[in-house]
Amino acid sequence: MEFTTDDVFAKVRRMIGDEVEPYRWEDEELRDNLQLALKRLNVRVPVTRYVGNDVVDYTELPDETDAPIPVDAKHEEGLVYYVVYLCYSKDDPDTSNAELANAYLAKAERLMV
């Protein structure tokens, strides 16, 4: 099953409690974090660098947020957790957010296999 940038954003926003506008994390910031998550996935799971039959330097997000991301859907949860980790890392001077960031990083790393 496919997933989109919008799917990831909705899950991330629900997890970080950012579902009411004005958003604390703008879509562009979440998009940047998702692109970083894809780069991390490409390092941890090199087969994700294959798009079709072509090898790419890294998987790039489609321009349209409702277009499918060219990665197997089994990696969606790991990508979501990594984006959540990056969001909480923004607030890591807050002890509880630092702990949450580390927890979500550990979850993401376990799922990126």
PDB file of N, CA and C in Angstrom:
ATOM      1  N   MET A   1       0.842  -1.184   0.000  1.00  0.00           N
ATOM      2  CA  MET A   1       0.000   0.000   0.000  1.00  0.00           C
ATOM      3  C   MET A   1       0.887   1.247   0.000  1.00  0.00           C
ATOM      4  N   GLU A   2       0.456   2.259  -0.705  1.00  0.00           N
ATOM      5  CA  GLU A   2       1.231   3.495  -0.822  1.00  0.00           C
ATOM      6  C   GLU A   2       0.921   4.444   0.324  1.00  0.00           C
ATOM      7  N   PHE A   3       1.837   5.376   0.536  1.00  0.00           N
ATOM      8  CA  PHE A   3       1.600   6.456   1.490  1.00  0.00           C
ATOM      9  C   PHE A   3       2.145   7.743   0.903  1.00  0.00           C
ATOM     10  N   THR A   4       1.604   8.857   1.395  1.00  0.00           N
ATOM     11  CA  THR A   4       1.943  10.167   0.844  1.00  0.00           C
ATOM     12  C   THR A   4       2.546  11.056   1.922  1.00  0.00           C
ATOM     13  N   THR A   5       3.046  12.196   1.491  1.00  0.00           N
ATOM     14  CA  THR A   5       3.551  13.204   2.425  1.00  0.00           C
ATOM     15  C   THR A   5       2.434  13.647   3.361  1.00  0.00           C
ATOM     16  N   ASP A   6       1.233  13.831   2.827  1.00  0.00           N
ATOM     17  CA  ASP A   6       0.095  14.224   3.661  1.00  0.00           C
ATOM     18  C   ASP A   6      -0.187  13.183   4.745  1.00  0.00           C
ATOM     19  N   ASP A   7      -0.076  11.893   4.396  1.00  0.00           N
ATOM     20  CA  ASP A   7      -0.288  10.826   5.381  1.00  0.00           C
ATOM     21  C   ASP A   7       0.711  10.933   6.525  1.00  0.00           C
ATOM     22  N   VAL A   8       1.972  11.150   6.164  1.00  0.00           N
ATOM     23  CA  VAL A   8       3.030  11.267   7.178  1.00  0.00           C
ATOM     24  C   VAL A   8       2.791  12.498   8.044  1.00  0.00           C
ATOM     25  N   PHE A   9       2.480  13.628   7.412  1.00  0.00           N
ATOM     26  CA  PHE A   9       2.239  14.858   8.170  1.00  0.00           C
ATOM     27  C   PHE A   9       1.109  14.673   9.177  1.00  0.00           C
ATOM     28  N   ALA A  10       0.007  14.032   8.762  1.00  0.00           N
ATOM     29  CA  ALA A  10      -1.142  13.836   9.657  1.00  0.00           C
ATOM     30  C   ALA A  10      -0.744  12.997  10.866  1.00  0.00           C
ATOM     31  N   LYS A  11       0.035  11.942  10.641  1.00  0.00           N
ATOM     32  CA  LYS A  11       0.464  11.077  11.748  1.00  0.00           C
ATOM     33  C   LYS A  11       1.438  11.804  12.671  1.00  0.00           C
ATOM     34  N   VAL A  12       2.354  12.539  12.076  1.00  0.00           N
ATOM     35  CA  VAL A  12       3.321  13.294  12.878  1.00  0.00           C
ATOM     36  C   VAL A  12       2.596  14.332  13.720  1.00  0.00           C
ATOM     37  N   ARG A  13       1.711  15.097  13.106  1.00  0.00           N
ATOM     38  CA  ARG A  13       0.997  16.145  13.840  1.00  0.00           C
ATOM     39  C   ARG A  13       0.185  15.558  14.998  1.00  0.00           C
ATOM     40  N   ARG A  14      -0.431  14.401  14.770  1.00  0.00           N
ATOM     41  CA  ARG A  14      -1.196  13.753  15.828  1.00  0.00           C
ATOM     42  C   ARG A  14      -0.274  13.351  16.984  1.00  0.00           C
ATOM     43  N   MET A  15       0.896  12.826  16.673  1.00  0.00           N
ATOM     44  CA  MET A  15       1.834  12.357  17.703  1.00  0.00           C
ATOM     45  C   MET A  15       2.437  13.506  18.506  1.00  0.00           C
ATOM     46  N   ILE A  16       2.696  14.632  17.845  1.00  0.00           N
ATOM     47  CA  ILE A  16       3.334  15.749  18.554  1.00  0.00           C
ATOM     48  C   ILE A  16       2.316  16.757  19.085  1.00  0.00           C
ATOM     49  N   GLY A  17       1.023  16.475  18.883  1.00  0.00           N
ATOM     50  CA  GLY A  17      -0.010  17.362  19.398  1.00  0.00           C
ATOM     51  C   GLY A  17      -0.049  18.707  18.693  1.00  0.00           C
ATOM     52  N   ASP A  18       0.118  18.696  17.385  1.00  0.00           N
ATOM     53  CA  ASP A  18       0.162  19.940  16.597  1.00  0.00           C
ATOM     54  C   ASP A  18      -0.905  19.887  15.503  1.00  0.00           C
ATOM     55  N   GLU A  19      -2.164  19.662  15.919  1.00  0.00           N
ATOM     56  CA  GLU A  19      -3.241  19.481  14.947  1.00  0.00           C
ATOM     57  C   GLU A  19      -4.120  20.711  14.758  1.00  0.00           C
ATOM     58  N   VAL A  20      -3.867  21.772  15.510  1.00  0.00           N
ATOM     59  CA  VAL A  20      -4.698  22.970  15.432  1.00  0.00           C
ATOM     60  C   VAL A  20      -3.868  24.123  14.871  1.00  0.00           C
ATOM     61  N   GLU A  21      -4.438  24.790  13.872  1.00  0.00           N
ATOM     62  CA  GLU A  21      -3.741  25.953  13.310  1.00  0.00           C
ATOM     63  C   GLU A  21      -3.846  27.124  14.264  1.00  0.00           C
ATOM     64  N   PRO A  22      -2.898  28.012  14.333  1.00  0.00           N
ATOM     65  CA  PRO A  22      -1.648  27.975  13.572  1.00  0.00           C
ATOM     66  C   PRO A  22      -0.728  26.884  14.114  1.00  0.00           C
ATOM     67  N   TYR A  23      -0.158  26.148  13.192  1.00  0.00           N
ATOM     68  CA  TYR A  23       0.721  25.046  13.556  1.00  0.00           C
ATOM     69  C   TYR A  23       2.029  25.551  14.132  1.00  0.00           C
ATOM     70  N   ARG A  24       2.549  24.811  15.082  1.00  0.00           N
ATOM     71  CA  ARG A  24       3.877  25.145  15.609  1.00  0.00           C
ATOM     72  C   ARG A  24       4.940  24.792  14.576  1.00  0.00           C
ATOM     73  N   TRP A  25       4.781  23.629  13.951  1.00  0.00           N
ATOM     74  CA  TRP A  25       5.702  23.202  12.901  1.00  0.00           C
ATOM     75  C   TRP A  25       4.997  23.389  11.567  1.00  0.00           C
ATOM     76  N   GLU A  26       5.528  24.290  10.762  1.00  0.00           N
ATOM     77  CA  GLU A  26       4.959  24.556   9.444  1.00  0.00           C
ATOM     78  C   GLU A  26       5.173  23.354   8.534  1.00  0.00           C
ATOM     79  N   ASP A  27       4.340  23.257   7.496  1.00  0.00           N
ATOM     80  CA  ASP A  27       4.466  22.153   6.546  1.00  0.00           C
ATOM     81  C   ASP A  27       5.864  22.088   5.941  1.00  0.00           C
ATOM     82  N   GLU A  28       6.443  23.236   5.663  1.00  0.00           N
ATOM     83  CA  GLU A  28       7.776  23.254   5.039  1.00  0.00           C
ATOM     84  C   GLU A  28       8.822  22.652   5.978  1.00  0.00           C
ATOM     85  N   GLU A  29       8.704  22.929   7.268  1.00  0.00           N
ATOM     86  CA  GLU A  29       9.639  22.354   8.235  1.00  0.00           C
ATOM     87  C   GLU A  29       9.437  20.844   8.342  1.00  0.00           C
ATOM     88  N   LEU A  30       8.176  20.400   8.345  1.00  0.00           N
ATOM     89  CA  LEU A  30       7.909  18.963   8.373  1.00  0.00           C
ATOM     90  C   LEU A  30       8.416  18.309   7.096  1.00  0.00           C
ATOM     91  N   ARG A  31       8.269  18.998   5.967  1.00  0.00           N
ATOM     92  CA  ARG A  31       8.762  18.464   4.692  1.00  0.00           C
ATOM     93  C   ARG A  31      10.283  18.305   4.737  1.00  0.00           C
ATOM     94  N   ASP A  32      10.976  19.308   5.261  1.00  0.00           N
ATOM     95  CA  ASP A  32      12.436  19.208   5.396  1.00  0.00           C
ATOM     96  C   ASP A  32      12.815  18.037   6.304  1.00  0.00           C
ATOM     97  N   ASN A  33      12.070  17.885   7.411  1.00  0.00           N
ATOM     98  CA  ASN A  33      12.344  16.779   8.332  1.00  0.00           C
ATOM     99  C   ASN A  33      12.071  15.428   7.680  1.00  0.00           C
ATOM    100  N   LEU A  34      11.013  15.341   6.873  1.00  0.00           N
ATOM    101  CA  LEU A  34      10.712  14.093   6.173  1.00  0.00           C
ATOM    102  C   LEU A  34      11.795  13.783   5.151  1.00  0.00           C
ATOM    103  N   GLN A  35      12.302  14.808   4.482  1.00  0.00           N
ATOM    104  CA  GLN A  35      13.394  14.564   3.529  1.00  0.00           C
ATOM    105  C   GLN A  35      14.629  14.044   4.261  1.00  0.00           C
ATOM    106  N   LEU A  36      14.925  14.604   5.436  1.00  0.00           N
ATOM    107  CA  LEU A  36      16.041  14.091   6.250  1.00  0.00           C
ATOM    108  C   LEU A  36      15.792  12.651   6.686  1.00  0.00           C
ATOM    109  N   ALA A  37      14.542  12.339   7.025  1.00  0.00           N
ATOM    110  CA  ALA A  37      14.194  10.974   7.414  1.00  0.00           C
ATOM    111  C   ALA A  37      14.412  10.010   6.251  1.00  0.00           C
ATOM    112  N   LEU A  38      14.061  10.433   5.047  1.00  0.00           N
ATOM    113  CA  LEU A  38      14.286   9.588   3.870  1.00  0.00           C
ATOM    114  C   LEU A  38      15.778   9.371   3.629  1.00  0.00           C
ATOM    115  N   LYS A  39      16.572  10.409   3.829  1.00  0.00           N
ATOM    116  CA  LYS A  39      18.024  10.261   3.665  1.00  0.00           C
ATOM    117  C   LYS A  39      18.571   9.278   4.695  1.00  0.00           C
ATOM    118  N   ARG A  40      18.071   9.363   5.931  1.00  0.00           N
ATOM    119  CA  ARG A  40      18.505   8.437   6.979  1.00  0.00           C
ATOM    120  C   ARG A  40      18.098   7.009   6.626  1.00  0.00           C
ATOM    121  N   LEU A  41      16.877   6.849   6.115  1.00  0.00           N
ATOM    122  CA  LEU A  41      16.411   5.532   5.694  1.00  0.00           C
ATOM    123  C   LEU A  41      17.292   4.980   4.583  1.00  0.00           C
ATOM    124  N   ASN A  42      17.673   5.823   3.640  1.00  0.00           N
ATOM    125  CA  ASN A  42      18.534   5.385   2.536  1.00  0.00           C
ATOM    126  C   ASN A  42      19.884   4.890   3.022  1.00  0.00           C
ATOM    127  N   VAL A  43      20.382   5.461   4.112  1.00  0.00           N
ATOM    128  CA  VAL A  43      21.658   5.014   4.692  1.00  0.00           C
ATOM    129  C   VAL A  43      21.473   3.682   5.410  1.00  0.00           C
ATOM    130  N   ARG A  44      20.403   3.574   6.186  1.00  0.00           N
ATOM    131  CA  ARG A  44      20.176   2.374   6.993  1.00  0.00           C
ATOM    132  C   ARG A  44      19.661   1.197   6.169  1.00  0.00           C
ATOM    133  N   VAL A  45      18.901   1.484   5.109  1.00  0.00           N
ATOM    134  CA  VAL A  45      18.319   0.438   4.252  1.00  0.00           C
ATOM    135  C   VAL A  45      18.644   0.795   2.801  1.00  0.00           C
ATOM    136  N   PRO A  46      19.832   0.449   2.336  1.00  0.00           N
ATOM    137  CA  PRO A  46      20.277   0.885   1.002  1.00  0.00           C
ATOM    138  C   PRO A  46      19.341   0.500  -0.145  1.00  0.00           C
ATOM    139  N   VAL A  47      18.586  -0.565  -0.002  1.00  0.00           N
ATOM    140  CA  VAL A  47      17.672  -0.967  -1.075  1.00  0.00           C
ATOM    141  C   VAL A  47      16.608   0.105  -1.336  1.00  0.00           C
ATOM    142  N   THR A  48      16.357   0.988  -0.378  1.00  0.00           N
ATOM    143  CA  THR A  48      15.372   2.058  -0.579  1.00  0.00           C
ATOM    144  C   THR A  48      15.881   3.123  -1.554  1.00  0.00           C
ATOM    145  N   ARG A  49      17.143   3.028  -1.921  1.00  0.00           N
ATOM    146  CA  ARG A  49      17.686   3.974  -2.909  1.00  0.00           C
ATOM    147  C   ARG A  49      17.331   3.573  -4.334  1.00  0.00           C
ATOM    148  N   TYR A  50      16.697   2.417  -4.500  1.00  0.00           N
ATOM    149  CA  TYR A  50      16.235   1.996  -5.818  1.00  0.00           C
ATOM    150  C   TYR A  50      14.828   2.520  -6.044  1.00  0.00           C
ATOM    151  N   VAL A  51      14.676   3.339  -7.062  1.00  0.00           N
ATOM    152  CA  VAL A  51      13.365   3.831  -7.456  1.00  0.00           C
ATOM    153  C   VAL A  51      13.112   3.250  -8.832  1.00  0.00           C
ATOM    154  N   GLY A  52      12.186   2.300  -8.894  1.00  0.00           N
ATOM    155  CA  GLY A  52      12.017   1.531 -10.124  1.00  0.00           C
ATOM    156  C   GLY A  52      13.249   0.658 -10.277  1.00  0.00           C
ATOM    157  N   ASN A  53      13.907   0.762 -11.402  1.00  0.00           N
ATOM    158  CA  ASN A  53      15.148   0.018 -11.626  1.00  0.00           C
ATOM    159  C   ASN A  53      16.383   0.907 -11.532  1.00  0.00           C
ATOM    160  N   ASP A  54      16.183   2.151 -11.130  1.00  0.00           N
ATOM    161  CA  ASP A  54      17.281   3.112 -11.074  1.00  0.00           C
ATOM    162  C   ASP A  54      17.770   3.298  -9.644  1.00  0.00           C
ATOM    163  N   VAL A  55      19.089   3.434  -9.506  1.00  0.00           N
ATOM    164  CA  VAL A  55      19.678   3.760  -8.213  1.00  0.00           C
ATOM    165  C   VAL A  55      19.811   5.277  -8.144  1.00  0.00           C
ATOM    166  N   VAL A  56      19.349   5.851  -7.036  1.00  0.00           N
ATOM    167  CA  VAL A  56      19.415   7.304  -6.863  1.00  0.00           C
ATOM    168  C   VAL A  56      20.310   7.625  -5.673  1.00  0.00           C
ATOM    169  N   ASP A  57      20.811   8.848  -5.621  1.00  0.00           N
ATOM    170  CA  ASP A  57      21.636   9.266  -4.484  1.00  0.00           C
ATOM    171  C   ASP A  57      20.832   9.243  -3.195  1.00  0.00           C
ATOM    172  N   TYR A  58      19.589   9.682  -3.277  1.00  0.00           N
ATOM    173  CA  TYR A  58      18.667   9.617  -2.151  1.00  0.00           C
ATOM    174  C   TYR A  58      17.249   9.729  -2.710  1.00  0.00           C
ATOM    175  N   THR A  59      16.309   9.224  -1.970  1.00  0.00           N
ATOM    176  CA  THR A  59      14.915   9.287  -2.392  1.00  0.00           C
ATOM    177  C   THR A  59      14.399  10.695  -2.173  1.00  0.00           C
ATOM    178  N   GLU A  60      13.853  11.277  -3.205  1.00  0.00           N
ATOM    179  CA  GLU A  60      13.349  12.650  -3.115  1.00  0.00           C
ATOM    180  C   GLU A  60      11.832  12.637  -2.978  1.00  0.00           C
ATOM    181  N   LEU A  61      11.325  13.536  -2.145  1.00  0.00           N
ATOM    182  CA  LEU A  61       9.880  13.650  -1.974  1.00  0.00           C
ATOM    183  C   LEU A  61       9.251  14.188  -3.251  1.00  0.00           C
ATOM    184  N   PRO A  62       8.076  13.675  -3.600  1.00  0.00           N
ATOM    185  CA  PRO A  62       7.374  14.259  -4.750  1.00  0.00           C
ATOM    186  C   PRO A  62       6.924  15.686  -4.412  1.00  0.00           C
ATOM    187  N   ASP A  63       6.788  16.525  -5.433  1.00  0.00           N
ATOM    188  CA  ASP A  63       6.370  17.915  -5.222  1.00  0.00           C
ATOM    189  C   ASP A  63       4.953  18.005  -4.659  1.00  0.00           C
ATOM    190  N   GLU A  64       4.074  17.159  -5.129  1.00  0.00           N
ATOM    191  CA  GLU A  64       2.686  17.154  -4.666  1.00  0.00           C
ATOM    192  C   GLU A  64       2.592  16.351  -3.374  1.00  0.00           C
ATOM    193  N   THR A  65       1.958  16.914  -2.359  1.00  0.00           N
ATOM    194  CA  THR A  65       1.893  16.235  -1.060  1.00  0.00           C
ATOM    195  C   THR A  65       0.930  15.054  -1.058  1.00  0.00           C
ATOM    196  N   ASP A  66       0.081  14.943  -2.096  1.00  0.00           N
ATOM    197  CA  ASP A  66      -0.821  13.801  -2.171  1.00  0.00           C
ATOM    198  C   ASP A  66      -0.322  12.728  -3.139  1.00  0.00           C
ATOM    199  N   ALA A  67       0.890  12.914  -3.658  1.00  0.00           N
ATOM    200  CA  ALA A  67       1.504  11.915  -4.536  1.00  0.00           C
ATOM    201  C   ALA A  67       2.209  10.862  -3.679  1.00  0.00           C
ATOM    202  N   PRO A  68       2.203   9.606  -4.118  1.00  0.00           N
ATOM    203  CA  PRO A  68       2.857   8.564  -3.322  1.00  0.00           C
ATOM    204  C   PRO A  68       4.372   8.769  -3.220  1.00  0.00           C
ATOM    205  N   ILE A  69       4.897   8.486  -2.043  1.00  0.00           N
ATOM    206  CA  ILE A  69       6.342   8.532  -1.821  1.00  0.00           C
ATOM    207  C   ILE A  69       6.905   7.211  -2.337  1.00  0.00           C
ATOM    208  N   PRO A  70       7.963   7.252  -3.159  1.00  0.00           N
ATOM    209  CA  PRO A  70       8.463   6.025  -3.793  1.00  0.00           C
ATOM    210  C   PRO A  70       9.308   5.142  -2.857  1.00  0.00           C
ATOM    211  N   VAL A  71       8.701   4.744  -1.737  1.00  0.00           N
ATOM    212  CA  VAL A  71       9.353   3.876  -0.750  1.00  0.00           C
ATOM    213  C   VAL A  71       8.314   2.859  -0.309  1.00  0.00           C
ATOM    214  N   ASP A  72       8.754   1.636  -0.055  1.00  0.00           N
ATOM    215  CA  ASP A  72       7.843   0.598   0.415  1.00  0.00           C
ATOM    216  C   ASP A  72       7.110   1.072   1.664  1.00  0.00           C
ATOM    217  N   ALA A  73       5.812   0.815   1.728  1.00  0.00           N
ATOM    218  CA  ALA A  73       4.967   1.280   2.834  1.00  0.00           C
ATOM    219  C   ALA A  73       5.394   0.725   4.187  1.00  0.00           C
ATOM    220  N   LYS A  74       6.154  -0.348   4.204  1.00  0.00           N
ATOM    221  CA  LYS A  74       6.594  -0.895   5.494  1.00  0.00           C
ATOM    222  C   LYS A  74       7.527   0.069   6.227  1.00  0.00           C
ATOM    223  N   HIS A  75       8.055   1.067   5.517  1.00  0.00           N
ATOM    224  CA  HIS A  75       8.968   2.042   6.133  1.00  0.00           C
ATOM    225  C   HIS A  75       8.259   3.303   6.629  1.00  0.00           C
ATOM    226  N   GLU A  76       6.958   3.396   6.387  1.00  0.00           N
ATOM    227  CA  GLU A  76       6.236   4.616   6.771  1.00  0.00           C
ATOM    228  C   GLU A  76       6.342   4.900   8.270  1.00  0.00           C
ATOM    229  N   GLU A  77       6.114   3.913   9.103  1.00  0.00           N
ATOM    230  CA  GLU A  77       6.136   4.137  10.543  1.00  0.00           C
ATOM    231  C   GLU A  77       7.503   4.623  11.022  1.00  0.00           C
ATOM    232  N   GLY A  78       8.570   4.037  10.496  1.00  0.00           N
ATOM    233  CA  GLY A  78       9.915   4.481  10.847  1.00  0.00           C
ATOM    234  C   GLY A  78      10.163   5.917  10.431  1.00  0.00           C
ATOM    235  N   LEU A  79       9.673   6.293   9.255  1.00  0.00           N
ATOM    236  CA  LEU A  79       9.819   7.675   8.787  1.00  0.00           C
ATOM    237  C   LEU A  79       9.041   8.629   9.677  1.00  0.00           C
ATOM    238  N   VAL A  80       7.837   8.241  10.057  1.00  0.00           N
ATOM    239  CA  VAL A  80       7.029   9.078  10.951  1.00  0.00           C
ATOM    240  C   VAL A  80       7.763   9.291  12.268  1.00  0.00           C
ATOM    241  N   TYR A  81       8.277   8.220  12.860  1.00  0.00           N
ATOM    242  CA  TYR A  81       8.986   8.333  14.137  1.00  0.00           C
ATOM    243  C   TYR A  81      10.224   9.214  14.008  1.00  0.00           C
ATOM    244  N   TYR A  82      10.915   9.122  12.882  1.00  0.00           N
ATOM    245  CA  TYR A  82      12.117   9.932  12.705  1.00  0.00           C
ATOM    246  C   TYR A  82      11.750  11.414  12.591  1.00  0.00           C
ATOM    247  N   VAL A  83      10.662  11.717  11.897  1.00  0.00           N
ATOM    248  CA  VAL A  83      10.212  13.113  11.794  1.00  0.00           C
ATOM    249  C   VAL A  83       9.798  13.621  13.174  1.00  0.00           C
ATOM    250  N   VAL A  84       9.103  12.790  13.957  1.00  0.00           N
ATOM    251  CA  VAL A  84       8.723  13.167  15.323  1.00  0.00           C
ATOM    252  C   VAL A  84       9.983  13.429  16.149  1.00  0.00           C
ATOM    253  N   TYR A  85      10.974  12.567  15.998  1.00  0.00           N
ATOM    254  CA  TYR A  85      12.258  12.766  16.696  1.00  0.00           C
ATOM    255  C   TYR A  85      12.852  14.132  16.340  1.00  0.00           C
ATOM    256  N   LEU A  86      12.861  14.468  15.061  1.00  0.00           N
ATOM    257  CA  LEU A  86      13.431  15.754  14.640  1.00  0.00           C
ATOM    258  C   LEU A  86      12.630  16.931  15.199  1.00  0.00           C
ATOM    259  N   CYS A  87      11.314  16.787  15.266  1.00  0.00           N
ATOM    260  CA  CYS A  87      10.489  17.860  15.838  1.00  0.00           C
ATOM    261  C   CYS A  87      10.792  18.036  17.325  1.00  0.00           C
ATOM    262  N   TYR A  88      10.835  16.942  18.059  1.00  0.00           N
ATOM    263  CA  TYR A  88      11.123  17.039  19.490  1.00  0.00           C
ATOM    264  C   TYR A  88      12.560  17.489  19.745  1.00  0.00           C
ATOM    265  N   SER A  89      13.460  17.199  18.840  1.00  0.00           N
ATOM    266  CA  SER A  89      14.856  17.627  18.998  1.00  0.00           C
ATOM    267  C   SER A  89      14.963  19.151  18.982  1.00  0.00           C
ATOM    268  N   LYS A  90      14.031  19.794  18.323  1.00  0.00           N
ATOM    269  CA  LYS A  90      14.005  21.258  18.278  1.00  0.00           C
ATOM    270  C   LYS A  90      13.861  21.819  19.690  1.00  0.00           C
ATOM    271  N   ASP A  91      13.197  21.069  20.562  1.00  0.00           N
ATOM    272  CA  ASP A  91      12.943  21.501  21.934  1.00  0.00           C
ATOM    273  C   ASP A  91      13.753  20.703  22.948  1.00  0.00           C
ATOM    274  N   ASP A  92      14.875  20.139  22.541  1.00  0.00           N
ATOM    275  CA  ASP A  92      15.578  19.243  23.460  1.00  0.00           C
ATOM    276  C   ASP A  92      16.145  19.891  24.720  1.00  0.00           C
ATOM    277  N   PRO A  93      16.283  21.237  24.816  1.00  0.00           N
ATOM    278  CA  PRO A  93      16.651  21.781  26.125  1.00  0.00           C
ATOM    279  C   PRO A  93      15.594  21.469  27.197  1.00  0.00           C
ATOM    280  N   ASP A  94      14.348  21.287  26.763  1.00  0.00           N
ATOM    281  CA  ASP A  94      13.296  20.840  27.675  1.00  0.00           C
ATOM    282  C   ASP A  94      13.535  19.354  27.926  1.00  0.00           C
ATOM    283  N   THR A  95      13.792  18.977  29.164  1.00  0.00           N
ATOM    284  CA  THR A  95      14.172  17.606  29.503  1.00  0.00           C
ATOM    285  C   THR A  95      13.173  16.579  29.003  1.00  0.00           C
ATOM    286  N   SER A  96      11.884  16.829  29.178  1.00  0.00           N
ATOM    287  CA  SER A  96      10.900  15.838  28.752  1.00  0.00           C
ATOM    288  C   SER A  96      10.904  15.677  27.232  1.00  0.00           C
ATOM    289  N   ASN A  97      11.105  16.762  26.494  1.00  0.00           N
ATOM    290  CA  ASN A  97      11.164  16.649  25.043  1.00  0.00           C
ATOM    291  C   ASN A  97      12.444  15.961  24.588  1.00  0.00           C
ATOM    292  N   ALA A  98      13.522  16.138  25.309  1.00  0.00           N
ATOM    293  CA  ALA A  98      14.762  15.437  24.982  1.00  0.00           C
ATOM    294  C   ALA A  98      14.556  13.934  25.157  1.00  0.00           C
ATOM    295  N   GLU A  99      13.868  13.551  26.215  1.00  0.00           N
ATOM    296  CA  GLU A  99      13.593  12.127  26.436  1.00  0.00           C
ATOM    297  C   GLU A  99      12.675  11.580  25.350  1.00  0.00           C
ATOM    298  N   LEU A 100      11.644  12.362  24.972  1.00  0.00           N
ATOM    299  CA  LEU A 100      10.765  11.936  23.886  1.00  0.00           C
ATOM    300  C   LEU A 100      11.533  11.819  22.571  1.00  0.00           C
ATOM    301  N   ALA A 101      12.390  12.781  22.296  1.00  0.00           N
ATOM    302  CA  ALA A 101      13.184  12.745  21.065  1.00  0.00           C
ATOM    303  C   ALA A 101      14.012  11.473  21.013  1.00  0.00           C
ATOM    304  N   ASN A 102      14.683  11.138  22.104  1.00  0.00           N
ATOM    305  CA  ASN A 102      15.504   9.930  22.139  1.00  0.00           C
ATOM    306  C   ASN A 102      14.664   8.670  21.998  1.00  0.00           C
ATOM    307  N   ALA A 103      13.481   8.652  22.602  1.00  0.00           N
ATOM    308  CA  ALA A 103      12.597   7.492  22.495  1.00  0.00           C
ATOM    309  C   ALA A 103      12.148   7.281  21.055  1.00  0.00           C
ATOM    310  N   TYR A 104      11.771   8.370  20.374  1.00  0.00           N
ATOM    311  CA  TYR A 104      11.325   8.232  18.986  1.00  0.00           C
ATOM    312  C   TYR A 104      12.477   7.922  18.049  1.00  0.00           C
ATOM    313  N   LEU A 105      13.667   8.405  18.334  1.00  0.00           N
ATOM    314  CA  LEU A 105      14.828   8.039  17.526  1.00  0.00           C
ATOM    315  C   LEU A 105      15.083   6.542  17.642  1.00  0.00           C
ATOM    316  N   ALA A 106      15.031   6.015  18.854  1.00  0.00           N
ATOM    317  CA  ALA A 106      15.250   4.579  19.054  1.00  0.00           C
ATOM    318  C   ALA A 106      14.195   3.765  18.303  1.00  0.00           C
ATOM    319  N   LYS A 107      12.937   4.188  18.349  1.00  0.00           N
ATOM    320  CA  LYS A 107      11.886   3.489  17.632  1.00  0.00           C
ATOM    321  C   LYS A 107      12.128   3.537  16.127  1.00  0.00           C
ATOM    322  N   ALA A 108      12.480   4.710  15.620  1.00  0.00           N
ATOM    323  CA  ALA A 108      12.731   4.865  14.184  1.00  0.00           C
ATOM    324  C   ALA A 108      13.879   3.977  13.739  1.00  0.00           C
ATOM    325  N   GLU A 109      14.953   3.973  14.501  1.00  0.00           N
ATOM    326  CA  GLU A 109      16.134   3.177  14.134  1.00  0.00           C
ATOM    327  C   GLU A 109      15.802   1.677  14.130  1.00  0.00           C
ATOM    328  N   ARG A 110      14.955   1.241  15.076  1.00  0.00           N
ATOM    329  CA  ARG A 110      14.564  -0.177  15.102  1.00  0.00           C
ATOM    330  C   ARG A 110      13.730  -0.539  13.880  1.00  0.00           C
ATOM    331  N   LEU A 111      12.926   0.395  13.408  1.00  0.00           N
ATOM    332  CA  LEU A 111      12.043   0.117  12.267  1.00  0.00           C
ATOM    333  C   LEU A 111      12.738   0.286  10.916  1.00  0.00           C
ATOM    334  N   MET A 112      13.833   1.002  10.869  1.00  0.00           N
ATOM    335  CA  MET A 112      14.538   1.233   9.613  1.00  0.00           C
ATOM    336  C   MET A 112      15.518   0.095   9.343  1.00  0.00           C
ATOM    337  N   VAL A 113      14.948  -1.055   9.060  1.00  0.00           N
ATOM    338  CA  VAL A 113      15.778  -2.245   8.752  1.00  0.00           C
ATOM    339  C   VAL A 113      15.299  -2.893   7.487  1.00  0.00           C
TER     340      VAL A 113
END
